[in-house]
N, C-alpha and C. Protein backbone atom coordinates (compact mmCIF):
# COMPACT_ATOMS: atom_id res chain seq x y z
N MET A 1 44.60 -20.63 -16.63
CA MET A 1 43.57 -20.65 -15.60
C MET A 1 43.79 -19.47 -14.64
N SER A 2 42.68 -18.76 -14.37
CA SER A 2 42.79 -17.57 -13.52
C SER A 2 42.93 -17.99 -12.06
N GLU A 3 43.66 -17.21 -11.32
CA GLU A 3 43.90 -17.51 -9.92
C GLU A 3 42.98 -16.72 -8.99
N TYR A 4 42.04 -15.97 -9.52
CA TYR A 4 41.10 -15.20 -8.69
C TYR A 4 39.67 -15.50 -9.14
N TRP A 5 38.73 -15.28 -8.22
CA TRP A 5 37.32 -15.62 -8.48
C TRP A 5 36.65 -14.49 -9.26
N VAL A 6 35.90 -14.88 -10.32
CA VAL A 6 35.21 -13.92 -11.17
C VAL A 6 33.72 -14.08 -10.93
N SER A 7 33.03 -12.97 -10.60
CA SER A 7 31.59 -12.99 -10.35
C SER A 7 30.84 -12.86 -11.66
N HIS A 8 29.87 -13.78 -11.90
CA HIS A 8 29.05 -13.70 -13.10
C HIS A 8 27.90 -12.73 -12.87
N LYS A 9 27.56 -12.01 -13.91
CA LYS A 9 26.47 -11.04 -13.83
C LYS A 9 25.12 -11.76 -13.71
N LYS A 10 24.19 -11.21 -12.90
CA LYS A 10 22.88 -11.79 -12.70
C LYS A 10 21.81 -10.92 -13.36
N TYR A 11 20.77 -11.58 -13.80
CA TYR A 11 19.63 -10.88 -14.42
C TYR A 11 18.40 -11.05 -13.51
N PHE A 12 17.71 -9.93 -13.26
CA PHE A 12 16.53 -9.97 -12.39
C PHE A 12 15.27 -9.95 -13.25
N CYS A 13 14.44 -10.97 -13.09
CA CYS A 13 13.17 -11.05 -13.82
C CYS A 13 12.10 -10.36 -12.97
N LYS A 14 11.54 -9.25 -13.47
CA LYS A 14 10.54 -8.49 -12.69
C LYS A 14 9.19 -9.20 -12.62
N TYR A 15 8.93 -10.12 -13.55
CA TYR A 15 7.66 -10.84 -13.51
C TYR A 15 7.68 -11.98 -12.48
N CYS A 16 8.82 -12.66 -12.37
CA CYS A 16 8.94 -13.78 -11.44
C CYS A 16 9.61 -13.40 -10.13
N ASN A 17 10.23 -12.19 -10.07
CA ASN A 17 10.88 -11.68 -8.87
C ASN A 17 12.02 -12.60 -8.42
N ILE A 18 12.84 -13.05 -9.37
CA ILE A 18 13.98 -13.90 -9.06
C ILE A 18 15.18 -13.45 -9.89
N TYR A 19 16.38 -13.92 -9.50
CA TYR A 19 17.61 -13.65 -10.24
C TYR A 19 18.04 -14.92 -10.98
N ILE A 20 18.50 -14.74 -12.22
CA ILE A 20 19.02 -15.86 -13.01
C ILE A 20 20.34 -15.41 -13.64
N ALA A 21 21.09 -16.38 -14.17
CA ALA A 21 22.36 -16.05 -14.82
C ALA A 21 22.11 -15.23 -16.08
N ASP A 22 22.90 -14.17 -16.23
CA ASP A 22 22.71 -13.26 -17.35
C ASP A 22 23.48 -13.76 -18.58
N ASP A 23 22.99 -14.87 -19.14
CA ASP A 23 23.52 -15.36 -20.41
C ASP A 23 22.35 -15.82 -21.26
N ALA A 24 22.59 -15.97 -22.51
CA ALA A 24 21.51 -16.27 -23.45
C ALA A 24 20.83 -17.61 -23.15
N PRO A 25 21.56 -18.69 -22.91
CA PRO A 25 20.88 -19.96 -22.65
C PRO A 25 19.99 -19.92 -21.39
N SER A 26 20.49 -19.31 -20.31
CA SER A 26 19.70 -19.26 -19.07
C SER A 26 18.45 -18.41 -19.23
N ARG A 27 18.59 -17.27 -19.87
CA ARG A 27 17.41 -16.40 -20.05
C ARG A 27 16.41 -17.03 -20.99
N ARG A 28 16.90 -17.73 -22.06
CA ARG A 28 15.98 -18.38 -22.99
C ARG A 28 15.23 -19.51 -22.29
N GLN A 29 15.94 -20.27 -21.47
CA GLN A 29 15.28 -21.37 -20.76
C GLN A 29 14.25 -20.85 -19.75
N HIS A 30 14.60 -19.75 -19.07
CA HIS A 30 13.64 -19.21 -18.09
C HIS A 30 12.41 -18.62 -18.77
N GLU A 31 12.62 -17.87 -19.86
CA GLU A 31 11.49 -17.22 -20.52
C GLU A 31 10.59 -18.21 -21.25
N SER A 32 11.10 -19.38 -21.57
CA SER A 32 10.28 -20.39 -22.22
C SER A 32 9.53 -21.28 -21.22
N GLY A 33 9.78 -21.06 -19.93
CA GLY A 33 9.11 -21.89 -18.93
C GLY A 33 7.67 -21.44 -18.67
N LEU A 34 6.87 -22.37 -18.12
CA LEU A 34 5.45 -22.08 -17.85
C LEU A 34 5.29 -21.06 -16.72
N ARG A 35 6.18 -21.11 -15.77
CA ARG A 35 6.07 -20.17 -14.65
C ARG A 35 6.22 -18.73 -15.12
N HIS A 36 7.23 -18.47 -15.95
CA HIS A 36 7.45 -17.12 -16.45
C HIS A 36 6.30 -16.66 -17.34
N LYS A 37 5.81 -17.54 -18.20
CA LYS A 37 4.71 -17.17 -19.08
C LYS A 37 3.44 -16.85 -18.27
N GLY A 38 3.18 -17.66 -17.24
CA GLY A 38 2.00 -17.39 -16.40
C GLY A 38 2.11 -16.07 -15.65
N ASN A 39 3.31 -15.78 -15.17
CA ASN A 39 3.51 -14.51 -14.46
C ASN A 39 3.36 -13.32 -15.40
N VAL A 40 3.86 -13.44 -16.62
CA VAL A 40 3.71 -12.35 -17.59
C VAL A 40 2.23 -12.14 -17.93
N GLU A 41 1.49 -13.23 -18.10
CA GLU A 41 0.06 -13.12 -18.42
C GLU A 41 -0.71 -12.46 -17.26
N ARG A 42 -0.38 -12.84 -16.05
CA ARG A 42 -1.04 -12.22 -14.90
C ARG A 42 -0.70 -10.74 -14.79
N PHE A 43 0.55 -10.37 -15.09
CA PHE A 43 0.96 -8.97 -15.04
C PHE A 43 0.19 -8.13 -16.07
N VAL A 44 0.07 -8.66 -17.27
CA VAL A 44 -0.66 -7.93 -18.32
C VAL A 44 -2.14 -7.81 -17.95
N ARG A 45 -2.70 -8.90 -17.39
CA ARG A 45 -4.11 -8.87 -16.99
C ARG A 45 -4.34 -7.85 -15.87
N SER A 46 -3.40 -7.76 -14.93
CA SER A 46 -3.54 -6.78 -13.85
C SER A 46 -3.45 -5.35 -14.38
N LEU A 47 -2.58 -5.13 -15.38
CA LEU A 47 -2.53 -3.80 -15.99
C LEU A 47 -3.84 -3.45 -16.67
N TYR A 48 -4.44 -4.41 -17.36
CA TYR A 48 -5.71 -4.17 -18.04
C TYR A 48 -6.82 -3.87 -17.03
N LYS A 49 -6.85 -4.64 -15.92
CA LYS A 49 -7.86 -4.41 -14.90
C LYS A 49 -7.67 -3.05 -14.24
N ALA A 50 -6.41 -2.68 -13.98
CA ALA A 50 -6.16 -1.38 -13.37
C ALA A 50 -6.61 -0.24 -14.28
N GLY A 51 -6.37 -0.40 -15.60
CA GLY A 51 -6.83 0.63 -16.53
C GLY A 51 -8.35 0.74 -16.58
N GLU A 52 -9.02 -0.41 -16.57
CA GLU A 52 -10.49 -0.39 -16.58
C GLU A 52 -11.04 0.23 -15.30
N LYS A 53 -10.41 -0.09 -14.19
CA LYS A 53 -10.87 0.49 -12.91
C LYS A 53 -10.64 1.99 -12.88
N ARG A 54 -9.51 2.44 -13.42
CA ARG A 54 -9.23 3.87 -13.46
C ARG A 54 -10.25 4.58 -14.34
N LYS A 55 -10.62 3.95 -15.45
CA LYS A 55 -11.62 4.56 -16.33
C LYS A 55 -12.99 4.63 -15.64
N GLN A 56 -13.37 3.57 -14.93
CA GLN A 56 -14.64 3.58 -14.22
C GLN A 56 -14.66 4.63 -13.10
N ASP A 57 -13.51 4.78 -12.42
CA ASP A 57 -13.44 5.80 -11.38
C ASP A 57 -13.59 7.21 -11.94
N LEU A 58 -12.98 7.45 -13.11
CA LEU A 58 -13.12 8.76 -13.74
C LEU A 58 -14.56 9.04 -14.15
N GLU A 59 -15.22 8.02 -14.71
CA GLU A 59 -16.62 8.21 -15.11
C GLU A 59 -17.51 8.44 -13.88
N GLU A 60 -17.25 7.69 -12.82
CA GLU A 60 -18.04 7.89 -11.60
C GLU A 60 -17.80 9.28 -11.02
N GLU A 61 -16.57 9.74 -11.08
CA GLU A 61 -16.27 11.09 -10.59
C GLU A 61 -16.98 12.15 -11.42
N LYS A 62 -17.02 11.96 -12.73
CA LYS A 62 -17.73 12.92 -13.58
C LYS A 62 -19.22 12.93 -13.28
N ARG A 63 -19.81 11.76 -13.10
CA ARG A 63 -21.23 11.70 -12.78
C ARG A 63 -21.52 12.36 -11.43
N GLU A 64 -20.66 12.12 -10.45
CA GLU A 64 -20.87 12.72 -9.13
C GLU A 64 -20.74 14.24 -9.19
N MET A 65 -19.76 14.72 -9.95
CA MET A 65 -19.60 16.17 -10.07
C MET A 65 -20.80 16.80 -10.77
N ALA A 66 -21.34 16.12 -11.80
CA ALA A 66 -22.53 16.63 -12.48
C ALA A 66 -23.72 16.65 -11.53
N ARG A 67 -23.86 15.63 -10.70
CA ARG A 67 -24.97 15.60 -9.76
C ARG A 67 -24.85 16.73 -8.73
N VAL A 68 -23.60 16.96 -8.25
CA VAL A 68 -23.39 18.03 -7.29
C VAL A 68 -23.68 19.39 -7.90
N GLU A 69 -23.24 19.58 -9.14
CA GLU A 69 -23.51 20.86 -9.82
C GLU A 69 -25.01 21.06 -10.01
N LYS A 70 -25.72 20.00 -10.36
CA LYS A 70 -27.17 20.11 -10.55
C LYS A 70 -27.86 20.45 -9.24
N ALA A 71 -27.44 19.80 -8.16
CA ALA A 71 -28.04 20.09 -6.86
C ALA A 71 -27.74 21.51 -6.42
N ALA A 72 -26.52 22.00 -6.72
CA ALA A 72 -26.16 23.38 -6.36
C ALA A 72 -27.00 24.37 -7.15
N GLU A 73 -27.21 24.11 -8.45
CA GLU A 73 -28.05 24.99 -9.25
C GLU A 73 -29.48 25.01 -8.74
N ALA A 74 -30.00 23.85 -8.34
CA ALA A 74 -31.37 23.80 -7.83
C ALA A 74 -31.48 24.56 -6.51
N ALA A 75 -30.48 24.42 -5.63
CA ALA A 75 -30.51 25.14 -4.36
C ALA A 75 -30.40 26.64 -4.57
N PHE A 76 -29.55 27.04 -5.52
CA PHE A 76 -29.41 28.47 -5.81
C PHE A 76 -30.70 29.03 -6.40
N ALA A 77 -31.34 28.26 -7.28
CA ALA A 77 -32.61 28.73 -7.86
C ALA A 77 -33.68 28.85 -6.79
N GLN A 78 -33.68 27.93 -5.83
CA GLN A 78 -34.66 28.01 -4.75
C GLN A 78 -34.40 29.24 -3.88
N ASP A 79 -33.11 29.53 -3.60
CA ASP A 79 -32.79 30.72 -2.82
C ASP A 79 -33.19 32.00 -3.55
N VAL A 80 -32.99 32.00 -4.87
CA VAL A 80 -33.38 33.17 -5.66
C VAL A 80 -34.89 33.35 -5.65
N SER A 81 -35.63 32.25 -5.81
CA SER A 81 -37.09 32.35 -5.85
C SER A 81 -37.66 32.76 -4.49
N SER A 82 -37.01 32.39 -3.39
CA SER A 82 -37.50 32.77 -2.07
C SER A 82 -37.02 34.15 -1.65
N GLY A 83 -36.11 34.75 -2.42
CA GLY A 83 -35.66 36.11 -2.12
C GLY A 83 -34.48 36.17 -1.17
N ILE A 84 -33.88 35.06 -0.86
CA ILE A 84 -32.73 35.07 0.05
C ILE A 84 -31.49 35.62 -0.64
N VAL A 85 -31.30 35.25 -1.91
CA VAL A 85 -30.13 35.66 -2.68
C VAL A 85 -30.60 36.39 -3.91
N LYS A 86 -29.85 37.41 -4.32
CA LYS A 86 -30.17 38.14 -5.55
C LYS A 86 -29.72 37.32 -6.75
N PRO A 87 -30.39 37.47 -7.89
CA PRO A 87 -30.04 36.65 -9.06
C PRO A 87 -28.61 36.87 -9.54
N GLY A 88 -28.06 38.06 -9.44
CA GLY A 88 -26.72 38.34 -9.96
C GLY A 88 -25.63 38.22 -8.93
N SER A 89 -25.91 37.64 -7.75
CA SER A 89 -24.91 37.58 -6.69
C SER A 89 -23.96 36.40 -6.84
N SER A 90 -24.26 35.45 -7.71
CA SER A 90 -23.39 34.29 -7.88
C SER A 90 -23.28 33.96 -9.36
N SER A 91 -22.15 33.41 -9.74
CA SER A 91 -21.92 33.05 -11.14
C SER A 91 -21.87 31.55 -11.34
N THR A 92 -22.37 30.78 -10.36
CA THR A 92 -22.31 29.33 -10.48
C THR A 92 -23.37 28.80 -11.41
N VAL A 93 -24.47 29.52 -11.58
CA VAL A 93 -25.55 29.05 -12.43
C VAL A 93 -25.21 29.39 -13.87
N ALA A 94 -25.14 28.39 -14.71
CA ALA A 94 -24.80 28.59 -16.11
C ALA A 94 -26.04 28.43 -16.95
N GLY A 95 -25.97 28.99 -18.17
CA GLY A 95 -27.11 28.85 -19.08
C GLY A 95 -27.99 30.07 -19.04
N PRO A 96 -28.92 30.18 -20.02
CA PRO A 96 -29.81 31.33 -20.07
C PRO A 96 -30.77 31.33 -18.90
N SER A 97 -30.99 32.52 -18.32
CA SER A 97 -31.91 32.65 -17.21
C SER A 97 -33.23 33.20 -17.72
N SER A 98 -34.30 32.66 -17.16
CA SER A 98 -35.64 33.10 -17.54
C SER A 98 -36.50 33.15 -16.30
N ALA A 99 -37.68 33.74 -16.43
CA ALA A 99 -38.58 33.86 -15.28
C ALA A 99 -39.20 32.52 -14.93
N ALA A 100 -39.41 31.65 -15.94
CA ALA A 100 -40.03 30.35 -15.67
C ALA A 100 -39.03 29.33 -15.15
N GLY A 101 -37.72 29.63 -15.29
CA GLY A 101 -36.72 28.67 -14.85
C GLY A 101 -36.75 28.41 -13.36
N PRO A 102 -36.67 29.45 -12.50
CA PRO A 102 -36.69 29.20 -11.05
C PRO A 102 -37.97 28.53 -10.59
N ARG A 103 -39.10 28.91 -11.22
CA ARG A 103 -40.35 28.29 -10.80
C ARG A 103 -40.35 26.80 -11.13
N LYS A 104 -39.79 26.45 -12.29
CA LYS A 104 -39.76 25.05 -12.69
C LYS A 104 -38.85 24.24 -11.77
N VAL A 105 -37.70 24.82 -11.41
CA VAL A 105 -36.78 24.13 -10.53
C VAL A 105 -37.39 24.00 -9.14
N ALA A 106 -38.07 25.07 -8.67
CA ALA A 106 -38.69 25.02 -7.34
C ALA A 106 -39.81 24.00 -7.29
N ALA A 107 -40.49 23.82 -8.44
CA ALA A 107 -41.59 22.85 -8.46
C ALA A 107 -41.08 21.43 -8.39
N THR A 108 -39.87 21.19 -8.88
CA THR A 108 -39.32 19.83 -8.88
C THR A 108 -38.57 19.50 -7.60
N LEU A 109 -38.49 20.44 -6.65
CA LEU A 109 -37.78 20.17 -5.41
C LEU A 109 -38.57 19.21 -4.54
N LYS A 110 -37.90 18.64 -3.57
CA LYS A 110 -38.54 17.68 -2.69
C LYS A 110 -39.50 18.39 -1.75
N PRO A 111 -40.58 17.74 -1.34
CA PRO A 111 -41.52 18.36 -0.40
C PRO A 111 -40.90 18.49 0.98
N ALA A 112 -41.59 19.24 1.85
CA ALA A 112 -41.08 19.45 3.20
C ALA A 112 -41.04 18.14 3.98
N ASP A 113 -42.05 17.27 3.78
CA ASP A 113 -42.07 15.98 4.44
C ASP A 113 -41.41 14.95 3.55
N PRO A 114 -40.25 14.41 3.92
CA PRO A 114 -39.58 13.46 3.03
C PRO A 114 -40.31 12.14 2.90
N PHE A 115 -41.23 11.83 3.83
CA PHE A 115 -41.95 10.56 3.81
C PHE A 115 -43.38 10.72 3.28
N ALA A 116 -43.63 11.81 2.55
CA ALA A 116 -44.99 12.05 2.07
C ALA A 116 -45.38 11.04 1.00
N ASN A 117 -44.43 10.61 0.17
CA ASN A 117 -44.74 9.70 -0.93
C ASN A 117 -44.60 8.23 -0.54
N TYR A 118 -44.28 7.95 0.70
CA TYR A 118 -44.10 6.57 1.13
C TYR A 118 -45.42 6.03 1.69
N THR A 119 -45.62 4.74 1.51
CA THR A 119 -46.81 4.10 2.08
C THR A 119 -46.49 3.61 3.48
N THR A 120 -47.52 3.51 4.28
CA THR A 120 -47.37 3.03 5.65
C THR A 120 -47.92 1.62 5.76
N ALA A 121 -47.57 0.96 6.85
CA ALA A 121 -48.06 -0.40 7.08
C ALA A 121 -49.58 -0.40 7.27
N GLU A 122 -50.10 0.66 7.90
CA GLU A 122 -51.54 0.73 8.13
C GLU A 122 -52.30 0.89 6.83
N SER A 123 -51.72 1.67 5.88
CA SER A 123 -52.40 1.84 4.59
C SER A 123 -52.39 0.55 3.77
N LEU A 124 -51.40 -0.31 4.02
CA LEU A 124 -51.34 -1.58 3.31
C LEU A 124 -52.12 -2.68 4.01
N GLY A 125 -52.71 -2.37 5.15
CA GLY A 125 -53.50 -3.36 5.88
C GLY A 125 -52.69 -4.25 6.79
N ILE A 126 -51.48 -3.84 7.13
CA ILE A 126 -50.61 -4.63 8.00
C ILE A 126 -50.70 -4.05 9.40
N THR A 127 -51.01 -4.88 10.36
CA THR A 127 -51.12 -4.43 11.75
C THR A 127 -49.92 -4.91 12.55
N ASP A 128 -49.49 -4.07 13.44
CA ASP A 128 -48.36 -4.39 14.30
C ASP A 128 -48.89 -4.95 15.61
N PRO A 129 -48.59 -6.20 15.97
CA PRO A 129 -49.12 -6.76 17.22
C PRO A 129 -48.60 -6.04 18.45
N ASP A 130 -47.38 -5.54 18.40
CA ASP A 130 -46.85 -4.81 19.55
C ASP A 130 -47.59 -3.49 19.77
N GLU A 131 -47.90 -2.80 18.67
CA GLU A 131 -48.63 -1.54 18.79
C GLU A 131 -50.05 -1.78 19.31
N ALA A 132 -50.70 -2.86 18.81
CA ALA A 132 -52.04 -3.18 19.31
C ALA A 132 -52.02 -3.53 20.79
N ARG A 133 -50.98 -4.24 21.23
CA ARG A 133 -50.86 -4.59 22.64
C ARG A 133 -50.63 -3.34 23.49
N ARG A 134 -49.83 -2.39 22.99
CA ARG A 134 -49.59 -1.16 23.74
C ARG A 134 -50.86 -0.33 23.87
N ARG A 135 -51.65 -0.28 22.79
CA ARG A 135 -52.90 0.47 22.87
C ARG A 135 -53.87 -0.17 23.86
N ALA A 136 -53.99 -1.51 23.83
CA ALA A 136 -54.88 -2.20 24.76
C ALA A 136 -54.42 -1.98 26.20
N GLU A 137 -53.13 -1.97 26.43
CA GLU A 137 -52.60 -1.73 27.77
C GLU A 137 -52.93 -0.32 28.24
N ALA A 138 -52.82 0.67 27.33
CA ALA A 138 -53.14 2.04 27.70
C ALA A 138 -54.62 2.20 28.03
N GLU A 139 -55.51 1.56 27.24
CA GLU A 139 -56.95 1.62 27.54
C GLU A 139 -57.27 0.94 28.86
N ARG A 140 -56.62 -0.17 29.15
CA ARG A 140 -56.87 -0.87 30.41
C ARG A 140 -56.43 -0.04 31.60
N ARG A 141 -55.32 0.67 31.46
CA ARG A 141 -54.86 1.52 32.55
C ARG A 141 -55.78 2.70 32.79
N LEU A 142 -56.46 3.18 31.73
CA LEU A 142 -57.41 4.27 31.91
C LEU A 142 -58.65 3.83 32.67
N GLN A 143 -59.02 2.56 32.55
CA GLN A 143 -60.24 2.07 33.17
C GLN A 143 -60.02 1.55 34.58
N GLU A 144 -58.84 1.13 34.95
CA GLU A 144 -58.61 0.55 36.26
C GLU A 144 -58.18 1.63 37.25
N GLY A 145 -58.42 1.33 38.54
CA GLY A 145 -58.05 2.28 39.58
C GLY A 145 -56.56 2.25 39.85
N VAL A 146 -56.02 3.44 40.01
CA VAL A 146 -54.58 3.56 40.25
C VAL A 146 -54.39 4.41 41.51
N ALA A 147 -53.45 4.04 42.33
CA ALA A 147 -53.17 4.81 43.55
C ALA A 147 -52.76 6.22 43.19
N GLY A 148 -53.30 7.17 43.97
CA GLY A 148 -53.01 8.57 43.69
C GLY A 148 -51.69 9.03 44.27
N ASP A 149 -51.51 10.35 44.26
CA ASP A 149 -50.27 10.92 44.79
C ASP A 149 -50.34 11.01 46.32
N TRP A 150 -49.18 11.28 46.90
CA TRP A 150 -49.12 11.47 48.34
C TRP A 150 -49.77 12.79 48.72
N GLU A 151 -50.51 12.78 49.83
CA GLU A 151 -51.18 13.98 50.33
C GLU A 151 -50.79 14.22 51.79
N VAL A 152 -50.76 15.49 52.18
CA VAL A 152 -50.44 15.87 53.56
C VAL A 152 -51.73 15.83 54.38
N VAL A 153 -51.76 15.05 55.46
CA VAL A 153 -52.95 14.89 56.30
C VAL A 153 -52.65 15.47 57.67
N GLU A 154 -53.61 16.23 58.21
CA GLU A 154 -53.44 16.80 59.54
C GLU A 154 -53.65 15.72 60.61
N VAL A 155 -52.80 15.74 61.60
CA VAL A 155 -52.88 14.77 62.69
C VAL A 155 -53.88 15.29 63.73
N ILE A 156 -54.87 14.47 64.05
CA ILE A 156 -55.88 14.85 65.04
C ILE A 156 -55.44 14.35 66.41
N GLN A 157 -55.28 15.27 67.35
CA GLN A 157 -54.84 14.90 68.69
C GLN A 157 -56.03 14.37 69.49
N PRO A 158 -55.85 13.34 70.33
CA PRO A 158 -56.95 12.84 71.16
C PRO A 158 -57.31 13.86 72.25
N PRO A 159 -58.56 13.84 72.71
CA PRO A 159 -58.96 14.82 73.75
C PRO A 159 -58.20 14.56 75.04
N PRO A 160 -57.84 15.60 75.78
CA PRO A 160 -57.09 15.40 77.04
C PRO A 160 -57.96 14.75 78.10
N THR A 161 -57.40 13.87 78.90
CA THR A 161 -58.12 13.17 79.99
C THR A 161 -57.93 13.89 81.30
N ASP A 162 -58.87 13.70 82.22
CA ASP A 162 -58.80 14.33 83.54
C ASP A 162 -57.78 13.57 84.38
N GLU A 163 -56.69 14.23 84.72
CA GLU A 163 -55.62 13.56 85.46
C GLU A 163 -55.96 13.37 86.93
N GLU A 164 -56.91 14.16 87.45
CA GLU A 164 -57.27 14.04 88.86
C GLU A 164 -58.09 12.78 89.07
N GLY A 165 -57.69 11.96 89.98
CA GLY A 165 -58.40 10.72 90.31
C GLY A 165 -58.18 9.62 89.31
N ALA A 166 -57.35 9.89 88.32
CA ALA A 166 -57.08 8.83 87.33
C ALA A 166 -56.02 7.91 87.86
N GLU A 167 -56.29 6.65 87.86
CA GLU A 167 -55.35 5.65 88.35
C GLU A 167 -55.18 4.57 87.29
N ASP A 168 -54.02 4.00 87.32
CA ASP A 168 -53.75 2.90 86.40
C ASP A 168 -54.34 1.65 86.99
N VAL A 169 -55.44 1.22 86.45
CA VAL A 169 -56.13 0.03 86.95
C VAL A 169 -55.77 -1.12 86.05
N LYS A 170 -55.14 -2.12 86.63
CA LYS A 170 -54.75 -3.29 85.86
C LYS A 170 -55.85 -4.33 85.96
N PRO A 171 -56.28 -4.86 84.87
CA PRO A 171 -57.33 -5.86 84.92
C PRO A 171 -56.81 -7.16 85.52
N ASP A 172 -57.74 -7.90 86.13
CA ASP A 172 -57.40 -9.19 86.71
C ASP A 172 -57.38 -10.22 85.60
N VAL A 173 -56.18 -10.57 85.19
CA VAL A 173 -56.04 -11.47 84.05
C VAL A 173 -56.48 -12.87 84.41
N SER A 174 -56.17 -13.31 85.64
CA SER A 174 -56.53 -14.67 86.02
C SER A 174 -58.03 -14.82 86.11
N ALA A 175 -58.72 -13.81 86.70
CA ALA A 175 -60.17 -13.89 86.82
C ALA A 175 -60.82 -13.84 85.46
N ALA A 176 -60.27 -13.02 84.57
CA ALA A 176 -60.85 -12.92 83.24
C ALA A 176 -60.66 -14.22 82.48
N GLY A 177 -59.48 -14.81 82.65
CA GLY A 177 -59.25 -16.07 81.96
C GLY A 177 -60.12 -17.17 82.48
N ALA A 178 -60.33 -17.21 83.81
CA ALA A 178 -61.19 -18.26 84.39
C ALA A 178 -62.63 -18.07 83.97
N ALA A 179 -63.06 -16.82 83.87
CA ALA A 179 -64.46 -16.57 83.47
C ALA A 179 -64.68 -16.97 82.02
N LEU A 180 -63.67 -16.70 81.22
CA LEU A 180 -63.83 -17.06 79.82
C LEU A 180 -63.85 -18.57 79.62
N SER A 181 -63.05 -19.27 80.39
CA SER A 181 -63.01 -20.72 80.23
C SER A 181 -64.20 -21.42 80.86
N GLY A 182 -64.96 -20.75 81.74
CA GLY A 182 -66.13 -21.34 82.38
C GLY A 182 -65.79 -22.35 83.45
N ARG A 183 -64.56 -22.32 83.94
CA ARG A 183 -64.11 -23.28 84.94
C ARG A 183 -63.74 -22.60 86.25
N ALA A 184 -64.37 -21.49 86.54
CA ALA A 184 -64.05 -20.78 87.78
C ALA A 184 -64.47 -21.62 88.99
N GLY A 185 -63.56 -21.86 89.93
CA GLY A 185 -63.85 -22.59 91.15
C GLY A 185 -63.74 -24.09 91.01
N GLU A 186 -63.48 -24.60 89.82
CA GLU A 186 -63.38 -26.04 89.64
C GLU A 186 -61.96 -26.50 89.96
N LYS A 187 -61.86 -27.69 90.51
CA LYS A 187 -60.55 -28.26 90.81
C LYS A 187 -60.22 -29.33 89.79
N ARG A 188 -58.96 -29.52 89.61
CA ARG A 188 -58.50 -30.52 88.66
C ARG A 188 -58.69 -31.90 89.27
N PRO A 189 -59.31 -32.82 88.59
CA PRO A 189 -59.54 -34.15 89.16
C PRO A 189 -58.23 -34.89 89.40
N ALA A 190 -58.24 -35.65 90.46
CA ALA A 190 -57.03 -36.41 90.80
C ALA A 190 -56.96 -37.66 89.94
N THR A 191 -55.73 -38.03 89.63
CA THR A 191 -55.53 -39.22 88.82
C THR A 191 -55.66 -40.45 89.70
N GLY A 192 -56.20 -41.53 89.15
CA GLY A 192 -56.41 -42.76 89.94
C GLY A 192 -55.34 -43.78 89.76
N GLY A 193 -54.24 -43.46 89.15
CA GLY A 193 -53.19 -44.43 88.90
C GLY A 193 -52.24 -44.57 90.06
N PRO A 194 -51.31 -45.54 90.00
CA PRO A 194 -50.33 -45.73 91.07
C PRO A 194 -49.33 -44.60 91.08
N PRO A 195 -48.71 -44.36 92.22
CA PRO A 195 -47.70 -43.29 92.28
C PRO A 195 -46.47 -43.65 91.45
N ILE A 196 -45.80 -42.63 90.96
CA ILE A 196 -44.62 -42.80 90.09
C ILE A 196 -43.38 -42.62 90.93
N ASP A 197 -42.54 -43.64 90.92
CA ASP A 197 -41.27 -43.56 91.64
C ASP A 197 -40.20 -42.98 90.71
N ILE A 198 -39.62 -41.92 91.16
CA ILE A 198 -38.58 -41.26 90.36
C ILE A 198 -37.26 -41.43 91.07
N GLU A 199 -36.30 -42.05 90.42
CA GLU A 199 -34.98 -42.24 90.99
C GLU A 199 -34.04 -41.17 90.46
N SER A 200 -33.25 -40.60 91.31
CA SER A 200 -32.33 -39.53 90.90
C SER A 200 -30.89 -39.98 91.12
N ASP A 201 -30.01 -39.66 90.21
CA ASP A 201 -28.59 -39.99 90.33
C ASP A 201 -27.80 -38.83 90.93
N GLY A 202 -28.52 -37.81 91.40
CA GLY A 202 -27.84 -36.68 92.02
C GLY A 202 -27.43 -35.57 91.06
N THR A 203 -27.74 -35.74 89.80
CA THR A 203 -27.37 -34.71 88.81
C THR A 203 -28.30 -33.52 88.93
N VAL A 204 -27.78 -32.36 88.99
CA VAL A 204 -28.58 -31.14 89.11
C VAL A 204 -28.57 -30.43 87.75
N PHE A 205 -29.72 -30.16 87.28
CA PHE A 205 -29.82 -29.48 85.98
C PHE A 205 -29.96 -27.98 86.20
């Protein structure tokens, strides 16, 4: 019997991400388990999906590059037809060149108005209630009166009065009030009741 501790070698399973004893019975038992088989199947499936995705990305990249090259050729042909660039100034255009080629490419270019081929709501018979309301509001504002802008007005001074002999005459307010009431010279009738006795406690208010 050994008097020192001996470390057993461990095996790392990359599919299950665990360590097991590195002997035949332990590895056989682990590899025959459902967990290990499921992990291996998922790993293979992920490799297959990654390969398919890589292939699709390459095809998409090729299609995009072809589209960019086609657009560049069309732009170059348009520049050549308009006289901006000379035909031999660039080598990006491949293939045989002919006189009808630039005209054909220029004819297939997009029009100046990008919305020329689109239909509008008005052409389809669809009316916008907000637009109709805005138009009615604009017509109503044209017909109704609106306050104008500010204008500068000259101040008219009153004519000067003759200061000689001018006196401040105050009207007789009492006489005017009596004349208006129609009771000038009348006395207030005396009351016929008994006199009122008022008792005071000496408080002064």
